[in-house]
Amino acid sequence: MTTEAYMSRPQGRIPNNRFPLLVHRNVVPGGGADAIKRLFVSNGWSNNWDYPGIYEYAHFHSTTHECLGCAQGWIEFSLSVGEGGWTKVKIDAGDVILMPAGVSHEMIARSDNVHMCGGYPDGRDWDDIQEAFLSDEDYKRACKRIIMLPIPSRDPATGLPMPEWHAAPSSVEGGWNGWRTSLDATS
């Protein structure tokens, strides 16, 4: 298994997150929905689903982090991460993406046989936020929910205690403090 990490910054009304988006490659060799969901649940990520893809519009979650595992085929995402944002990432059967809350994502291409599985730390429920439909107040509330989310106890793919997220710079050290302060600004 190899892991790729993608950092992000707030952009427009997409909050993103100080925690890196992680792509774990070849977590479950060959994939399989049952095997991926079993792995997620064994590492504390439940409220699982499986479906032939994900939403084909950019959206983010403010109530939970999310993991997405490719059970069959392949899928290409557009993600609000990386230098300048909107990085394209393709994953294949057996790969897992660990998506911090606030990172916008959408399916932009897929194989005809794609099958995806999702999960959420401690079985949290998710919301579905699209940047274009956010008022200023809704954006601020979503950002505050994201900031308050705890780091999950274990990575859904590795079972480890989230070393990449615990090592992430604090909001102050990472340059996020001005953005955080703006959420409470009154003028």
N, C-alpha and C. Protein backbone atom coordinates (compact mmCIF):
# COMPACT_ATOMS: atom_id res chain seq x y z
N MET A 1 0.83 -1.18 0.00
CA MET A 1 0.00 0.00 0.00
C MET A 1 0.88 1.25 0.00
N THR A 2 0.52 2.22 -0.81
CA THR A 2 1.18 3.52 -0.80
C THR A 2 0.14 4.58 -0.52
N THR A 3 0.58 5.73 -0.03
CA THR A 3 -0.34 6.82 0.32
C THR A 3 0.13 8.11 -0.31
N GLU A 4 -0.82 8.83 -0.91
CA GLU A 4 -0.59 10.17 -1.44
C GLU A 4 -1.35 11.15 -0.56
N ALA A 5 -0.78 12.34 -0.35
CA ALA A 5 -1.42 13.37 0.47
C ALA A 5 -1.57 14.64 -0.34
N TYR A 6 -2.74 15.26 -0.22
CA TYR A 6 -3.05 16.50 -0.93
C TYR A 6 -3.54 17.53 0.07
N MET A 7 -2.87 18.67 0.11
CA MET A 7 -3.26 19.76 1.01
C MET A 7 -4.26 20.67 0.29
N SER A 8 -4.94 21.51 1.08
CA SER A 8 -5.92 22.43 0.51
C SER A 8 -5.94 23.72 1.31
N ARG A 9 -6.60 24.71 0.76
CA ARG A 9 -6.82 26.01 1.40
C ARG A 9 -8.25 26.43 1.10
N PRO A 10 -8.83 27.30 1.92
CA PRO A 10 -10.17 27.81 1.58
C PRO A 10 -10.14 28.48 0.21
N GLN A 11 -11.20 28.26 -0.57
CA GLN A 11 -11.31 28.91 -1.88
C GLN A 11 -12.78 29.19 -2.16
N GLY A 12 -13.08 30.48 -2.39
CA GLY A 12 -14.47 30.85 -2.57
C GLY A 12 -15.26 30.45 -1.34
N ARG A 13 -16.35 29.73 -1.55
CA ARG A 13 -17.15 29.23 -0.43
C ARG A 13 -16.95 27.73 -0.21
N ILE A 14 -15.77 27.27 -0.56
CA ILE A 14 -15.38 25.90 -0.25
C ILE A 14 -14.37 25.99 0.89
N PRO A 15 -14.74 25.50 2.08
CA PRO A 15 -13.86 25.66 3.23
C PRO A 15 -12.56 24.87 3.14
N ASN A 16 -12.61 23.68 2.51
CA ASN A 16 -11.49 22.75 2.54
C ASN A 16 -11.12 22.43 3.98
N ASN A 17 -9.89 22.03 4.24
CA ASN A 17 -9.55 21.58 5.58
C ASN A 17 -8.05 21.64 5.78
N ARG A 18 -7.62 21.87 7.01
CA ARG A 18 -6.18 21.87 7.30
C ARG A 18 -5.60 20.47 7.28
N PHE A 19 -6.47 19.44 7.35
CA PHE A 19 -6.00 18.06 7.27
C PHE A 19 -5.84 17.65 5.81
N PRO A 20 -4.82 16.86 5.50
CA PRO A 20 -4.63 16.44 4.11
C PRO A 20 -5.66 15.39 3.68
N LEU A 21 -6.07 15.49 2.42
CA LEU A 21 -6.83 14.41 1.79
C LEU A 21 -5.83 13.31 1.50
N LEU A 22 -6.17 12.08 1.84
CA LEU A 22 -5.26 10.96 1.64
C LEU A 22 -5.83 10.00 0.62
N VAL A 23 -4.97 9.52 -0.27
CA VAL A 23 -5.33 8.47 -1.21
C VAL A 23 -4.45 7.28 -0.88
N HIS A 24 -5.08 6.23 -0.37
CA HIS A 24 -4.38 4.98 -0.05
C HIS A 24 -4.56 4.05 -1.25
N ARG A 25 -3.47 3.67 -1.86
CA ARG A 25 -3.50 2.80 -3.04
C ARG A 25 -3.37 1.33 -2.66
N ASN A 26 -4.17 0.50 -3.33
CA ASN A 26 -4.09 -0.95 -3.20
C ASN A 26 -4.30 -1.44 -1.76
N VAL A 27 -5.29 -0.84 -1.10
CA VAL A 27 -5.61 -1.22 0.28
C VAL A 27 -6.22 -2.61 0.33
N VAL A 28 -7.18 -2.85 -0.57
CA VAL A 28 -7.85 -4.14 -0.67
C VAL A 28 -7.58 -4.66 -2.08
N PRO A 29 -6.49 -5.40 -2.27
CA PRO A 29 -6.15 -5.86 -3.63
C PRO A 29 -7.34 -6.53 -4.31
N GLY A 30 -7.68 -6.04 -5.48
CA GLY A 30 -8.81 -6.58 -6.23
C GLY A 30 -10.14 -5.96 -5.87
N GLY A 31 -10.22 -5.23 -4.76
CA GLY A 31 -11.46 -4.56 -4.37
C GLY A 31 -12.48 -5.49 -3.75
N GLY A 32 -13.75 -5.24 -4.06
CA GLY A 32 -14.85 -6.01 -3.50
C GLY A 32 -15.58 -5.21 -2.44
N ALA A 33 -16.90 -4.99 -2.66
CA ALA A 33 -17.69 -4.17 -1.74
C ALA A 33 -17.71 -4.73 -0.33
N ASP A 34 -17.91 -6.03 -0.18
CA ASP A 34 -17.98 -6.61 1.16
C ASP A 34 -16.65 -6.44 1.89
N ALA A 35 -15.54 -6.68 1.20
CA ALA A 35 -14.22 -6.56 1.83
C ALA A 35 -13.93 -5.12 2.25
N ILE A 36 -14.28 -4.16 1.39
CA ILE A 36 -14.03 -2.76 1.72
C ILE A 36 -14.90 -2.31 2.89
N LYS A 37 -16.17 -2.65 2.86
CA LYS A 37 -17.04 -2.25 3.97
C LYS A 37 -16.63 -2.92 5.28
N ARG A 38 -16.21 -4.17 5.23
CA ARG A 38 -15.71 -4.85 6.44
C ARG A 38 -14.50 -4.12 7.01
N LEU A 39 -13.59 -3.71 6.12
CA LEU A 39 -12.40 -2.96 6.55
C LEU A 39 -12.82 -1.65 7.21
N PHE A 40 -13.69 -0.90 6.56
CA PHE A 40 -14.14 0.37 7.13
C PHE A 40 -14.75 0.17 8.51
N VAL A 41 -15.67 -0.77 8.62
CA VAL A 41 -16.35 -1.01 9.90
C VAL A 41 -15.36 -1.45 10.97
N SER A 42 -14.40 -2.30 10.62
CA SER A 42 -13.42 -2.78 11.61
C SER A 42 -12.55 -1.64 12.13
N ASN A 43 -12.46 -0.55 11.37
CA ASN A 43 -11.67 0.61 11.79
C ASN A 43 -12.53 1.77 12.28
N GLY A 44 -13.82 1.48 12.57
CA GLY A 44 -14.69 2.49 13.18
C GLY A 44 -15.40 3.41 12.21
N TRP A 45 -15.42 3.08 10.92
CA TRP A 45 -16.08 3.91 9.91
C TRP A 45 -17.31 3.15 9.41
N SER A 46 -18.49 3.58 9.82
CA SER A 46 -19.71 2.85 9.48
C SER A 46 -20.70 3.78 8.80
N ASN A 47 -22.00 3.48 8.93
CA ASN A 47 -23.04 4.14 8.15
C ASN A 47 -22.71 3.96 6.67
N ASN A 48 -22.30 2.75 6.33
CA ASN A 48 -21.76 2.43 5.00
C ASN A 48 -22.83 2.35 3.93
N TRP A 49 -22.39 2.62 2.72
CA TRP A 49 -23.23 2.48 1.53
C TRP A 49 -22.35 1.93 0.41
N ASP A 50 -23.00 1.38 -0.61
CA ASP A 50 -22.29 1.07 -1.85
C ASP A 50 -23.20 1.41 -3.00
N TYR A 51 -22.58 1.91 -4.09
CA TYR A 51 -23.34 2.52 -5.17
C TYR A 51 -22.44 2.58 -6.42
N PRO A 52 -23.04 2.64 -7.60
CA PRO A 52 -22.21 2.72 -8.83
C PRO A 52 -21.68 4.13 -9.10
N GLY A 53 -20.87 4.65 -8.21
CA GLY A 53 -20.26 5.97 -8.38
C GLY A 53 -20.56 6.87 -7.20
N ILE A 54 -20.36 8.18 -7.41
CA ILE A 54 -20.74 9.19 -6.43
C ILE A 54 -21.41 10.32 -7.19
N TYR A 55 -21.80 11.37 -6.48
CA TYR A 55 -22.48 12.50 -7.13
C TYR A 55 -21.63 13.10 -8.25
N GLU A 56 -22.31 13.50 -9.31
CA GLU A 56 -21.64 14.11 -10.47
C GLU A 56 -21.71 15.63 -10.41
N TYR A 57 -21.74 16.17 -9.22
CA TYR A 57 -21.67 17.62 -9.02
C TYR A 57 -20.78 17.86 -7.81
N ALA A 58 -20.10 18.98 -7.81
CA ALA A 58 -19.18 19.30 -6.72
C ALA A 58 -19.96 19.55 -5.44
N HIS A 59 -19.54 18.90 -4.38
CA HIS A 59 -20.20 19.03 -3.09
C HIS A 59 -19.18 18.74 -1.99
N PHE A 60 -19.50 19.19 -0.78
CA PHE A 60 -18.67 18.86 0.38
C PHE A 60 -19.58 18.56 1.56
N HIS A 61 -18.98 18.03 2.61
CA HIS A 61 -19.72 17.68 3.82
C HIS A 61 -19.20 18.52 4.98
N SER A 62 -20.12 18.99 5.82
CA SER A 62 -19.71 19.78 6.98
C SER A 62 -19.95 19.05 8.29
N THR A 63 -20.64 17.93 8.25
CA THR A 63 -20.99 17.22 9.48
C THR A 63 -20.09 16.01 9.75
N THR A 64 -19.25 15.66 8.79
CA THR A 64 -18.41 14.48 8.96
C THR A 64 -17.30 14.44 7.91
N HIS A 65 -16.25 13.70 8.24
CA HIS A 65 -15.24 13.31 7.27
C HIS A 65 -15.82 12.10 6.54
N GLU A 66 -15.22 11.72 5.40
CA GLU A 66 -15.76 10.62 4.60
C GLU A 66 -14.63 9.78 4.03
N CYS A 67 -14.85 8.48 3.95
CA CYS A 67 -13.93 7.62 3.21
C CYS A 67 -14.68 7.00 2.05
N LEU A 68 -14.00 6.88 0.93
CA LEU A 68 -14.58 6.31 -0.28
C LEU A 68 -13.64 5.23 -0.80
N GLY A 69 -14.17 4.04 -0.95
CA GLY A 69 -13.36 2.93 -1.46
C GLY A 69 -13.90 2.46 -2.79
N CYS A 70 -13.02 2.22 -3.73
CA CYS A 70 -13.42 1.72 -5.04
C CYS A 70 -13.46 0.19 -4.97
N ALA A 71 -14.67 -0.36 -5.07
CA ALA A 71 -14.85 -1.81 -4.97
C ALA A 71 -14.65 -2.51 -6.30
N GLN A 72 -14.94 -1.78 -7.39
CA GLN A 72 -14.83 -2.38 -8.73
C GLN A 72 -14.65 -1.26 -9.75
N GLY A 73 -13.89 -1.54 -10.80
CA GLY A 73 -13.69 -0.57 -11.87
C GLY A 73 -12.75 0.54 -11.47
N TRP A 74 -13.03 1.75 -11.96
CA TRP A 74 -12.24 2.93 -11.61
C TRP A 74 -13.15 4.16 -11.66
N ILE A 75 -12.69 5.22 -10.98
CA ILE A 75 -13.43 6.48 -10.95
C ILE A 75 -12.41 7.61 -10.95
N GLU A 76 -12.75 8.70 -11.60
CA GLU A 76 -11.91 9.90 -11.58
C GLU A 76 -12.68 11.01 -10.88
N PHE A 77 -12.00 11.64 -9.92
CA PHE A 77 -12.57 12.72 -9.15
C PHE A 77 -11.97 14.05 -9.57
N SER A 78 -12.73 15.11 -9.40
CA SER A 78 -12.19 16.46 -9.35
C SER A 78 -12.31 16.87 -7.89
N LEU A 79 -11.18 17.25 -7.28
CA LEU A 79 -11.10 17.52 -5.85
C LEU A 79 -10.56 18.92 -5.61
N SER A 80 -11.11 19.62 -4.62
CA SER A 80 -10.68 20.99 -4.32
C SER A 80 -9.40 21.01 -3.49
N VAL A 81 -8.40 20.26 -3.93
CA VAL A 81 -7.13 20.14 -3.21
C VAL A 81 -5.97 20.38 -4.17
N GLY A 82 -4.77 20.42 -3.60
CA GLY A 82 -3.57 20.56 -4.43
C GLY A 82 -3.28 22.01 -4.75
N GLU A 83 -2.18 22.23 -5.41
CA GLU A 83 -1.75 23.58 -5.78
C GLU A 83 -2.81 24.23 -6.67
N GLY A 84 -3.44 25.28 -6.16
CA GLY A 84 -4.47 25.98 -6.93
C GLY A 84 -5.83 25.31 -6.89
N GLY A 85 -5.93 24.13 -6.29
CA GLY A 85 -7.21 23.44 -6.16
C GLY A 85 -7.63 22.74 -7.44
N TRP A 86 -8.68 21.96 -7.34
CA TRP A 86 -9.29 21.21 -8.44
C TRP A 86 -8.29 20.31 -9.15
N THR A 87 -7.78 19.39 -8.35
CA THR A 87 -6.88 18.35 -8.82
C THR A 87 -7.71 17.15 -9.27
N LYS A 88 -7.32 16.55 -10.38
CA LYS A 88 -7.98 15.32 -10.84
C LYS A 88 -7.22 14.13 -10.28
N VAL A 89 -7.96 13.20 -9.68
CA VAL A 89 -7.37 12.01 -9.10
C VAL A 89 -8.20 10.81 -9.54
N LYS A 90 -7.53 9.81 -10.09
CA LYS A 90 -8.19 8.57 -10.50
C LYS A 90 -7.84 7.49 -9.50
N ILE A 91 -8.86 6.74 -9.08
CA ILE A 91 -8.59 5.59 -8.22
C ILE A 91 -9.16 4.34 -8.88
N ASP A 92 -8.55 3.23 -8.55
CA ASP A 92 -8.92 1.92 -9.09
C ASP A 92 -9.45 1.02 -8.00
N ALA A 93 -9.98 -0.12 -8.39
CA ALA A 93 -10.49 -1.11 -7.43
C ALA A 93 -9.43 -1.39 -6.37
N GLY A 94 -9.84 -1.30 -5.11
CA GLY A 94 -8.94 -1.54 -3.99
C GLY A 94 -8.35 -0.30 -3.37
N ASP A 95 -8.50 0.87 -4.03
CA ASP A 95 -7.98 2.14 -3.50
C ASP A 95 -9.03 2.79 -2.60
N VAL A 96 -8.55 3.60 -1.64
CA VAL A 96 -9.43 4.30 -0.70
C VAL A 96 -9.00 5.76 -0.63
N ILE A 97 -9.99 6.66 -0.68
CA ILE A 97 -9.76 8.09 -0.45
C ILE A 97 -10.30 8.44 0.92
N LEU A 98 -9.50 9.14 1.71
CA LEU A 98 -9.92 9.66 3.00
C LEU A 98 -10.10 11.16 2.85
N MET A 99 -11.35 11.60 2.86
CA MET A 99 -11.74 12.97 2.53
C MET A 99 -12.06 13.76 3.79
N PRO A 100 -11.24 14.78 4.13
CA PRO A 100 -11.60 15.62 5.27
C PRO A 100 -12.87 16.41 4.97
N ALA A 101 -13.66 16.65 5.99
CA ALA A 101 -14.85 17.49 5.83
C ALA A 101 -14.43 18.83 5.21
N GLY A 102 -15.28 19.36 4.36
CA GLY A 102 -15.03 20.65 3.73
C GLY A 102 -14.37 20.58 2.38
N VAL A 103 -13.81 19.42 2.00
CA VAL A 103 -13.16 19.26 0.70
C VAL A 103 -14.24 18.91 -0.32
N SER A 104 -14.34 19.72 -1.35
CA SER A 104 -15.35 19.49 -2.39
C SER A 104 -14.86 18.41 -3.35
N HIS A 105 -15.81 17.60 -3.79
CA HIS A 105 -15.45 16.47 -4.65
C HIS A 105 -16.62 16.14 -5.56
N GLU A 106 -16.27 15.62 -6.74
CA GLU A 106 -17.28 15.18 -7.70
C GLU A 106 -16.68 14.12 -8.61
N MET A 107 -17.55 13.27 -9.13
CA MET A 107 -17.14 12.25 -10.10
C MET A 107 -17.16 12.90 -11.48
N ILE A 108 -16.03 12.81 -12.20
CA ILE A 108 -15.98 13.39 -13.54
C ILE A 108 -15.80 12.34 -14.63
N ALA A 109 -15.42 11.14 -14.25
CA ALA A 109 -15.31 10.04 -15.22
C ALA A 109 -15.35 8.73 -14.43
N ARG A 110 -15.73 7.64 -15.13
CA ARG A 110 -15.81 6.35 -14.46
C ARG A 110 -15.83 5.24 -15.48
N SER A 111 -15.48 4.06 -15.03
CA SER A 111 -15.64 2.89 -15.88
C SER A 111 -17.12 2.48 -15.85
N ASP A 112 -17.53 1.71 -16.83
CA ASP A 112 -18.92 1.27 -16.88
C ASP A 112 -19.31 0.39 -15.70
N ASN A 113 -18.33 -0.26 -15.10
CA ASN A 113 -18.61 -1.18 -14.00
C ASN A 113 -18.23 -0.63 -12.63
N VAL A 114 -18.05 0.69 -12.50
CA VAL A 114 -17.59 1.25 -11.23
C VAL A 114 -18.59 0.93 -10.12
N HIS A 115 -18.01 0.65 -8.96
CA HIS A 115 -18.82 0.42 -7.76
C HIS A 115 -18.03 1.00 -6.59
N MET A 116 -18.64 1.91 -5.86
CA MET A 116 -17.98 2.61 -4.76
C MET A 116 -18.63 2.27 -3.43
N CYS A 117 -17.84 2.37 -2.36
CA CYS A 117 -18.34 2.20 -0.99
C CYS A 117 -17.94 3.42 -0.18
N GLY A 118 -18.80 3.83 0.73
CA GLY A 118 -18.51 4.97 1.59
C GLY A 118 -18.66 4.61 3.05
N GLY A 119 -18.04 5.43 3.89
CA GLY A 119 -18.16 5.25 5.33
C GLY A 119 -17.79 6.53 6.05
N TYR A 120 -18.20 6.60 7.33
CA TYR A 120 -18.07 7.82 8.12
C TYR A 120 -17.64 7.46 9.54
N PRO A 121 -16.73 8.26 10.14
CA PRO A 121 -16.22 7.91 11.46
C PRO A 121 -17.35 7.84 12.49
N ASP A 122 -17.35 6.75 13.24
CA ASP A 122 -18.36 6.53 14.27
C ASP A 122 -19.78 6.57 13.72
N GLY A 123 -19.93 6.27 12.43
CA GLY A 123 -21.26 6.20 11.84
C GLY A 123 -21.97 7.54 11.69
N ARG A 124 -21.22 8.63 11.70
CA ARG A 124 -21.84 9.96 11.55
C ARG A 124 -22.68 10.02 10.29
N ASP A 125 -23.63 10.94 10.28
CA ASP A 125 -24.44 11.17 9.10
C ASP A 125 -23.87 12.38 8.36
N TRP A 126 -24.10 12.43 7.06
CA TRP A 126 -23.51 13.47 6.24
C TRP A 126 -24.57 14.43 5.72
N ASP A 127 -24.12 15.63 5.42
CA ASP A 127 -24.92 16.59 4.68
C ASP A 127 -24.33 16.70 3.29
N ASP A 128 -24.94 17.47 2.43
CA ASP A 128 -24.53 17.56 1.02
C ASP A 128 -24.60 19.03 0.63
N ILE A 129 -23.45 19.71 0.64
CA ILE A 129 -23.42 21.16 0.43
C ILE A 129 -22.77 21.47 -0.91
N GLN A 130 -23.45 22.34 -1.68
CA GLN A 130 -22.91 22.82 -2.95
C GLN A 130 -22.61 24.31 -2.80
N GLU A 131 -21.42 24.69 -3.19
CA GLU A 131 -20.95 26.06 -3.03
C GLU A 131 -21.93 27.08 -3.60
N ALA A 132 -22.49 26.82 -4.76
CA ALA A 132 -23.35 27.79 -5.45
C ALA A 132 -24.60 28.15 -4.67
N PHE A 133 -25.01 27.30 -3.74
CA PHE A 133 -26.27 27.52 -3.03
C PHE A 133 -26.08 27.99 -1.59
N LEU A 134 -24.88 28.37 -1.22
CA LEU A 134 -24.59 28.79 0.15
C LEU A 134 -24.74 30.29 0.34
N SER A 135 -25.50 30.69 1.33
CA SER A 135 -25.52 32.10 1.74
C SER A 135 -24.28 32.33 2.61
N ASP A 136 -23.97 33.58 2.91
CA ASP A 136 -22.84 33.88 3.79
C ASP A 136 -23.01 33.21 5.14
N GLU A 137 -24.21 33.29 5.70
CA GLU A 137 -24.46 32.70 7.02
C GLU A 137 -24.37 31.18 6.99
N ASP A 138 -24.92 30.56 5.96
CA ASP A 138 -24.84 29.10 5.84
C ASP A 138 -23.38 28.66 5.71
N TYR A 139 -22.59 29.42 4.95
CA TYR A 139 -21.17 29.11 4.79
C TYR A 139 -20.46 29.16 6.14
N LYS A 140 -20.69 30.23 6.90
CA LYS A 140 -20.04 30.37 8.20
C LYS A 140 -20.44 29.24 9.15
N ARG A 141 -21.71 28.88 9.16
CA ARG A 141 -22.16 27.78 10.02
C ARG A 141 -21.51 26.46 9.60
N ALA A 142 -21.43 26.21 8.30
CA ALA A 142 -20.79 24.98 7.81
C ALA A 142 -19.32 24.94 8.22
N CYS A 143 -18.63 26.06 8.06
CA CYS A 143 -17.21 26.12 8.44
C CYS A 143 -17.01 25.84 9.92
N LYS A 144 -17.87 26.40 10.74
CA LYS A 144 -17.74 26.19 12.18
C LYS A 144 -18.00 24.73 12.55
N ARG A 145 -18.94 24.08 11.87
CA ARG A 145 -19.16 22.65 12.12
C ARG A 145 -17.91 21.85 11.76
N ILE A 146 -17.29 22.19 10.63
CA ILE A 146 -16.09 21.49 10.17
C ILE A 146 -14.95 21.65 11.17
N ILE A 147 -14.73 22.87 11.62
CA ILE A 147 -13.65 23.16 12.57
C ILE A 147 -13.81 22.33 13.85
N MET A 148 -15.05 22.10 14.26
CA MET A 148 -15.31 21.41 15.53
C MET A 148 -15.25 19.89 15.44
N LEU A 149 -15.15 19.34 14.23
CA LEU A 149 -15.11 17.88 14.10
C LEU A 149 -13.81 17.31 14.68
N PRO A 150 -13.92 16.25 15.45
CA PRO A 150 -12.70 15.64 15.99
C PRO A 150 -11.96 14.83 14.91
N ILE A 151 -10.69 14.62 15.16
CA ILE A 151 -9.92 13.69 14.33
C ILE A 151 -10.43 12.29 14.66
N PRO A 152 -10.82 11.51 13.66
CA PRO A 152 -11.28 10.15 13.94
C PRO A 152 -10.21 9.34 14.68
N SER A 153 -10.64 8.35 15.42
CA SER A 153 -9.69 7.57 16.21
C SER A 153 -8.78 6.71 15.35
N ARG A 154 -9.28 6.27 14.16
CA ARG A 154 -8.46 5.43 13.30
C ARG A 154 -8.70 5.74 11.83
N ASP A 155 -7.66 5.58 11.04
CA ASP A 155 -7.75 5.70 9.59
C ASP A 155 -8.59 4.52 9.09
N PRO A 156 -9.56 4.77 8.19
CA PRO A 156 -10.43 3.68 7.74
C PRO A 156 -9.72 2.61 6.93
N ALA A 157 -8.58 2.94 6.35
CA ALA A 157 -7.86 1.99 5.50
C ALA A 157 -6.75 1.27 6.25
N THR A 158 -6.03 1.98 7.10
CA THR A 158 -4.86 1.40 7.76
C THR A 158 -5.13 0.93 9.18
N GLY A 159 -6.16 1.49 9.82
CA GLY A 159 -6.42 1.19 11.22
C GLY A 159 -5.51 1.94 12.17
N LEU A 160 -4.60 2.76 11.64
CA LEU A 160 -3.68 3.54 12.47
C LEU A 160 -4.37 4.78 13.00
N PRO A 161 -3.81 5.39 14.04
CA PRO A 161 -4.45 6.55 14.67
C PRO A 161 -4.24 7.87 13.92
N MET A 162 -4.42 7.88 12.62
CA MET A 162 -4.43 9.09 11.79
C MET A 162 -3.15 9.94 11.91
N PRO A 163 -1.97 9.34 11.69
CA PRO A 163 -0.73 10.08 11.88
C PRO A 163 -0.62 11.33 11.00
N GLU A 164 -1.10 11.27 9.77
CA GLU A 164 -0.99 12.43 8.87
C GLU A 164 -1.84 13.60 9.37
N TRP A 165 -2.97 13.30 9.99
CA TRP A 165 -3.83 14.37 10.49
C TRP A 165 -3.32 14.92 11.81
N HIS A 166 -2.79 14.05 12.68
CA HIS A 166 -2.23 14.53 13.94
C HIS A 166 -0.99 15.37 13.70
N ALA A 167 -0.27 15.10 12.60
CA ALA A 167 0.94 15.86 12.28
C ALA A 167 0.65 17.15 11.50
N ALA A 168 -0.61 17.37 11.11
CA ALA A 168 -0.96 18.57 10.33
C ALA A 168 -0.70 19.82 11.17
N PRO A 169 -0.25 20.90 10.53
CA PRO A 169 -0.02 22.14 11.28
C PRO A 169 -1.32 22.63 11.93
N SER A 170 -1.17 23.27 13.08
CA SER A 170 -2.34 23.87 13.72
C SER A 170 -2.89 24.97 12.82
N SER A 171 -4.06 25.45 13.14
CA SER A 171 -4.66 26.53 12.35
C SER A 171 -3.75 27.75 12.30
N VAL A 172 -3.12 28.07 13.42
CA VAL A 172 -2.23 29.23 13.47
C VAL A 172 -0.97 28.95 12.64
N GLU A 173 -0.33 27.82 12.89
CA GLU A 173 0.91 27.48 12.17
C GLU A 173 0.68 27.28 10.68
N GLY A 174 -0.49 26.80 10.31
CA GLY A 174 -0.80 26.53 8.91
C GLY A 174 -1.33 27.72 8.13
N GLY A 175 -1.45 28.88 8.79
CA GLY A 175 -1.94 30.07 8.10
C GLY A 175 -3.45 30.15 7.95
N TRP A 176 -4.19 29.41 8.76
CA TRP A 176 -5.66 29.40 8.69
C TRP A 176 -6.31 30.36 9.68
N ASN A 177 -5.52 30.99 10.55
CA ASN A 177 -6.10 31.79 11.62
C ASN A 177 -6.91 32.98 11.10
N GLY A 178 -6.42 33.68 10.07
CA GLY A 178 -7.18 34.81 9.51
C GLY A 178 -8.52 34.36 8.97
N TRP A 179 -8.53 33.22 8.30
CA TRP A 179 -9.78 32.67 7.77
C TRP A 179 -10.73 32.34 8.92
N ARG A 180 -10.22 31.69 9.95
CA ARG A 180 -11.07 31.34 11.11
C ARG A 180 -11.65 32.59 11.75
N THR A 181 -10.82 33.61 11.92
CA THR A 181 -11.27 34.86 12.53
C THR A 181 -12.37 35.51 11.69
N SER A 182 -12.25 35.40 10.36
CA SER A 182 -13.25 36.02 9.49
C SER A 182 -14.63 35.41 9.66
N LEU A 183 -14.72 34.19 10.16
CA LEU A 183 -16.01 33.54 10.35
C LEU A 183 -16.82 34.20 11.45
N ASP A 184 -16.15 34.92 12.35
CA ASP A 184 -16.84 35.61 13.44
C ASP A 184 -16.83 37.13 13.27
N ALA A 185 -16.26 37.62 12.17
CA ALA A 185 -16.20 39.06 11.94
C ALA A 185 -17.61 39.63 11.83
N THR A 186 -17.80 40.81 12.39
CA THR A 186 -19.11 41.45 12.34
C THR A 186 -19.17 42.60 11.35
N SER A 187 -18.04 42.95 10.76
CA SER A 187 -18.06 44.02 9.75
C SER A 187 -17.09 43.73 8.64
